């Protein structure tokens, strides 16, 4: 069997391969150190991206809270004349 493509490895991780291809790729991964290494690298990259996206979401939330706090200090709470 030929080596797995990057797309196939991503589909393998996503569990979107058809059952026959998943079976043959699983067998290949058991025997191929190169593809095993590439699969582990893809898994590690996904973990890093997930970690970064969580951090980015927290930064956005903090920025929104700071912006909201600034706006509420600028706008008067009683607007009657």
Protein backbone atom coordinates (compact mmCIF):
# COMPACT_ATOMS: atom_id res chain seq x y z
CA UNK A 1 0.00 0.00 0.00
CA UNK A 2 1.16 3.53 -0.75
CA UNK A 3 1.64 6.02 2.05
CA UNK A 4 -1.37 7.92 3.32
CA UNK A 5 -1.91 11.45 2.07
CA UNK A 6 -2.22 14.34 4.52
CA UNK A 7 -5.90 14.59 3.61
CA UNK A 8 -6.44 10.90 4.36
CA UNK A 9 -4.75 11.28 7.73
CA UNK A 10 -7.00 14.25 8.54
CA UNK A 11 -10.05 12.27 7.46
CA UNK A 12 -8.84 9.36 9.59
CA UNK A 13 -8.67 11.68 12.61
CA UNK A 14 -12.08 13.16 11.74
CA UNK A 15 -13.48 9.63 11.32
CA UNK A 16 -14.88 10.56 7.91
CA UNK A 17 -13.20 7.84 5.84
CA UNK A 18 -15.40 5.16 4.39
CA UNK A 19 -15.18 1.90 6.37
CA UNK A 20 -13.05 0.03 3.80
CA UNK A 21 -10.50 2.85 3.49
CA UNK A 22 -10.40 3.23 7.27
CA UNK A 23 -9.67 -0.48 7.63
CA UNK A 24 -6.88 -0.49 5.02
CA UNK A 25 -5.37 2.70 6.42
CA UNK A 26 -5.45 1.30 9.95
CA UNK A 27 -3.56 -1.78 8.77
CA UNK A 28 -1.05 0.40 6.95
CA UNK A 29 -0.56 2.59 10.03
CA UNK A 30 0.24 -0.49 12.10
CA UNK A 31 3.09 -1.33 9.74
CA UNK A 32 4.37 2.07 8.58
CA UNK A 33 6.52 4.11 10.95
CA UNK A 34 6.52 7.11 8.61
CA UNK A 35 2.72 7.34 8.46
CA UNK A 36 2.46 6.73 12.22
CA UNK A 37 4.81 9.66 12.78
CA UNK A 38 2.82 11.90 10.43
CA UNK A 39 -0.43 10.92 12.15
CA UNK A 40 1.03 11.78 15.56
CA UNK A 41 2.23 15.12 14.19
CA UNK A 42 -1.27 15.85 12.87
CA UNK A 43 -2.76 14.97 16.25
CA UNK A 44 -0.25 17.23 18.02
CA UNK A 45 -1.03 20.09 15.63
CA UNK A 46 -4.74 19.70 16.30
CA UNK A 47 -4.14 19.80 20.05
CA UNK A 48 -2.06 22.99 19.70
CA UNK A 49 -4.70 24.64 17.51
CA UNK A 50 -7.43 23.72 19.99
CA UNK A 51 -5.37 25.17 22.84
CA UNK A 52 -4.76 28.37 20.86
CA UNK A 53 -8.43 28.73 19.94
CA UNK A 54 -9.46 28.41 23.60
CA UNK A 55 -6.89 31.05 24.54
CA UNK A 56 -8.08 33.35 21.77
CA UNK A 57 -11.69 32.98 22.89
CA UNK A 58 -10.68 33.95 26.43
CA UNK A 59 -8.78 36.99 25.15
CA UNK A 60 -11.79 38.08 23.08
CA UNK A 61 -14.07 37.70 26.08
CA UNK A 62 -11.70 39.74 28.26
CA UNK A 63 -11.44 42.41 25.56
CA UNK A 64 -15.24 42.57 25.28
CA UNK A 65 -15.53 42.95 29.05
CA UNK A 66 -12.96 45.75 29.09
CA UNK A 67 -14.65 47.52 26.16
CA UNK A 68 -18.07 47.22 27.81
CA UNK A 69 -16.64 48.59 31.06
CA UNK A 70 -15.15 51.61 29.26
CA UNK A 71 -18.40 52.35 27.42
CA UNK A 72 -20.47 52.19 30.60
CA UNK A 73 -18.09 54.68 32.28
CA UNK A 74 -18.35 57.08 29.34
CA UNK A 75 -22.12 56.96 28.92
CA UNK A 76 -24.11 58.65 31.67
CA UNK A 77 -26.57 56.38 33.43
CA UNK A 78 -29.20 59.13 33.77
CA UNK A 79 -29.98 60.83 30.48
CA UNK A 80 -32.93 62.97 31.61
CA UNK A 81 -32.56 66.75 31.31
